[in-house]
Structures are given as C-alpha cells and as structure tokens.
Amino acid sequence: MTQTKDSSGDDAEKRLSTLRHDLRNDLATALLAADLLTNHADESVQRHATSIVNALEKATERLKRSRKPVS
C-alpha cells in the first residue's frame, strides 16, 4: 500500500511539474508579444502592454516559486 501511495504521489508531482512547464511556456509566448507592444507608437497601447508584462512576469515568478524545494 505504501508503494502505491508513493507512486501515486510521484505521478501527481510529475503531472504538476509538466503543467508548470507548459504554463511557463504559454506565459513566455504572451510575454514576448506584450513586450513587443511596449514599443508601440500609441502611448495607450504602451501603458496597457506594460501592465500585461508586469502581470505575466508576476505569474511566471509565482510558478517558479511553486516548485517543490530540492532536499
């Protein structure tokens, strides 16, 4: 029973790790697009893009901190 519990925990951790990785990839794509918009000629677009960049960077940092600490 212990082995099943351990392997199910390992499986859950693997899936969580994959999810974090996939989310970071999606956030990186959005961050790149938003970063390009920070140089837009329209100042309103620049301001909104900067807000988006900040939010995406914050979300990326949260994902990085959510990793299980290495023992």
C-alpha atoms as a PDB file:
ATOM      1  CA  MET A   1       0.000   0.000   0.000  1.00  0.00           C
ATOM      2  CA  THR A   2       2.858   2.391   0.764  1.00  0.00           C
ATOM      3  CA  GLN A   3       4.381   1.825  -2.663  1.00  0.00           C
ATOM      4  CA  THR A   4       1.059   2.666  -4.352  1.00  0.00           C
ATOM      5  CA  LYS A   5       0.764   5.815  -2.297  1.00  0.00           C
ATOM      6  CA  ASP A   6       4.357   6.811  -3.140  1.00  0.00           C
ATOM      7  CA  SER A   7       3.981   6.097  -6.858  1.00  0.00           C
ATOM      8  CA  SER A   8       0.684   7.990  -6.992  1.00  0.00           C
ATOM      9  CA  GLY A   9       2.416  10.934  -5.293  1.00  0.00           C
ATOM     10  CA  ASP A  10       5.269  10.699  -7.791  1.00  0.00           C
ATOM     11  CA  ASP A  11       2.762  10.612 -10.654  1.00  0.00           C
ATOM     12  CA  ALA A  12       0.925  13.647  -9.293  1.00  0.00           C
ATOM     13  CA  GLU A  13       4.220  15.536  -8.879  1.00  0.00           C
ATOM     14  CA  LYS A  14       5.229  14.647 -12.465  1.00  0.00           C
ATOM     15  CA  ARG A  15       1.920  15.898 -13.813  1.00  0.00           C
ATOM     16  CA  LEU A  16       2.169  19.067 -11.734  1.00  0.00           C
ATOM     17  CA  SER A  17       5.704  19.641 -12.976  1.00  0.00           C
ATOM     18  CA  THR A  18       4.541  19.195 -16.579  1.00  0.00           C
ATOM     19  CA  LEU A  19       1.667  21.607 -16.002  1.00  0.00           C
ATOM     20  CA  ARG A  20       4.013  24.243 -14.527  1.00  0.00           C
ATOM     21  CA  HIS A  21       6.360  23.801 -17.501  1.00  0.00           C
ATOM     22  CA  ASP A  22       3.538  24.140 -20.030  1.00  0.00           C
ATOM     23  CA  LEU A  23       2.146  27.216 -18.269  1.00  0.00           C
ATOM     24  CA  ARG A  24       5.580  28.865 -18.219  1.00  0.00           C
ATOM     25  CA  ASN A  25       5.863  28.238 -21.976  1.00  0.00           C
ATOM     26  CA  ASP A  26       2.446  29.805 -22.601  1.00  0.00           C
ATOM     27  CA  LEU A  27       3.297  32.765 -20.376  1.00  0.00           C
ATOM     28  CA  ALA A  28       6.614  33.257 -22.188  1.00  0.00           C
ATOM     29  CA  THR A  29       4.793  33.473 -25.537  1.00  0.00           C
ATOM     30  CA  ALA A  30       2.336  36.032 -24.175  1.00  0.00           C
ATOM     31  CA  LEU A  31       5.168  37.945 -22.505  1.00  0.00           C
ATOM     32  CA  LEU A  32       7.070  38.196 -25.787  1.00  0.00           C
ATOM     33  CA  ALA A  33       4.017  39.578 -27.607  1.00  0.00           C
ATOM     34  CA  ALA A  34       3.221  42.049 -24.811  1.00  0.00           C
ATOM     35  CA  ASP A  35       6.856  43.142 -24.639  1.00  0.00           C
ATOM     36  CA  LEU A  36       6.805  43.953 -28.356  1.00  0.00           C
ATOM     37  CA  LEU A  37       3.721  46.105 -27.781  1.00  0.00           C
ATOM     38  CA  THR A  38       5.558  48.203 -25.177  1.00  0.00           C
ATOM     39  CA  ASN A  39       7.308  49.864 -28.159  1.00  0.00           C
ATOM     40  CA  HIS A  40       4.057  50.631 -29.997  1.00  0.00           C
ATOM     41  CA  ALA A  41       3.586  54.174 -31.308  1.00  0.00           C
ATOM     42  CA  ASP A  42       0.340  54.602 -29.340  1.00  0.00           C
ATOM     43  CA  GLU A  43       1.086  55.525 -25.707  1.00  0.00           C
ATOM     44  CA  SER A  44      -2.148  53.923 -24.516  1.00  0.00           C
ATOM     45  CA  VAL A  45      -1.067  50.620 -26.046  1.00  0.00           C
ATOM     46  CA  GLN A  46       2.340  51.019 -24.384  1.00  0.00           C
ATOM     47  CA  ARG A  47       0.744  51.556 -20.953  1.00  0.00           C
ATOM     48  CA  HIS A  48      -1.567  48.574 -21.299  1.00  0.00           C
ATOM     49  CA  ALA A  49       1.243  46.409 -22.630  1.00  0.00           C
ATOM     50  CA  THR A  50       3.412  47.353 -19.656  1.00  0.00           C
ATOM     51  CA  SER A  51       0.610  46.301 -17.291  1.00  0.00           C
ATOM     52  CA  ILE A  52       0.304  42.992 -19.128  1.00  0.00           C
ATOM     53  CA  VAL A  53       4.075  42.430 -18.999  1.00  0.00           C
ATOM     54  CA  ASN A  54       4.093  43.087 -15.252  1.00  0.00           C
ATOM     55  CA  ALA A  55       1.204  40.680 -14.644  1.00  0.00           C
ATOM     56  CA  LEU A  56       2.800  37.951 -16.766  1.00  0.00           C
ATOM     57  CA  GLU A  57       6.155  38.341 -15.027  1.00  0.00           C
ATOM     58  CA  LYS A  58       4.419  38.089 -11.644  1.00  0.00           C
ATOM     59  CA  ALA A  59       2.586  34.924 -12.733  1.00  0.00           C
ATOM     60  CA  THR A  60       5.840  33.423 -14.023  1.00  0.00           C
ATOM     61  CA  GLU A  61       7.562  34.127 -10.701  1.00  0.00           C
ATOM     62  CA  ARG A  62       4.700  32.504  -8.798  1.00  0.00           C
ATOM     63  CA  LEU A  63       5.079  29.376 -10.910  1.00  0.00           C
ATOM     64  CA  LYS A  64       8.815  29.290 -10.256  1.00  0.00           C
ATOM     65  CA  ARG A  65       8.238  29.616  -6.505  1.00  0.00           C
ATOM     66  CA  SER A  66       5.633  26.851  -6.567  1.00  0.00           C
ATOM     67  CA  ARG A  67       8.266  24.253  -7.380  1.00  0.00           C
ATOM     68  CA  LYS A  68       8.927  21.692  -4.694  1.00  0.00           C
ATOM     69  CA  PRO A  69      12.150  22.588  -2.839  1.00  0.00           C
ATOM     70  CA  VAL A  70      15.037  20.218  -3.504  1.00  0.00           C
ATOM     71  CA  SER A  71      16.037  18.287  -0.379  1.00  0.00           C
END
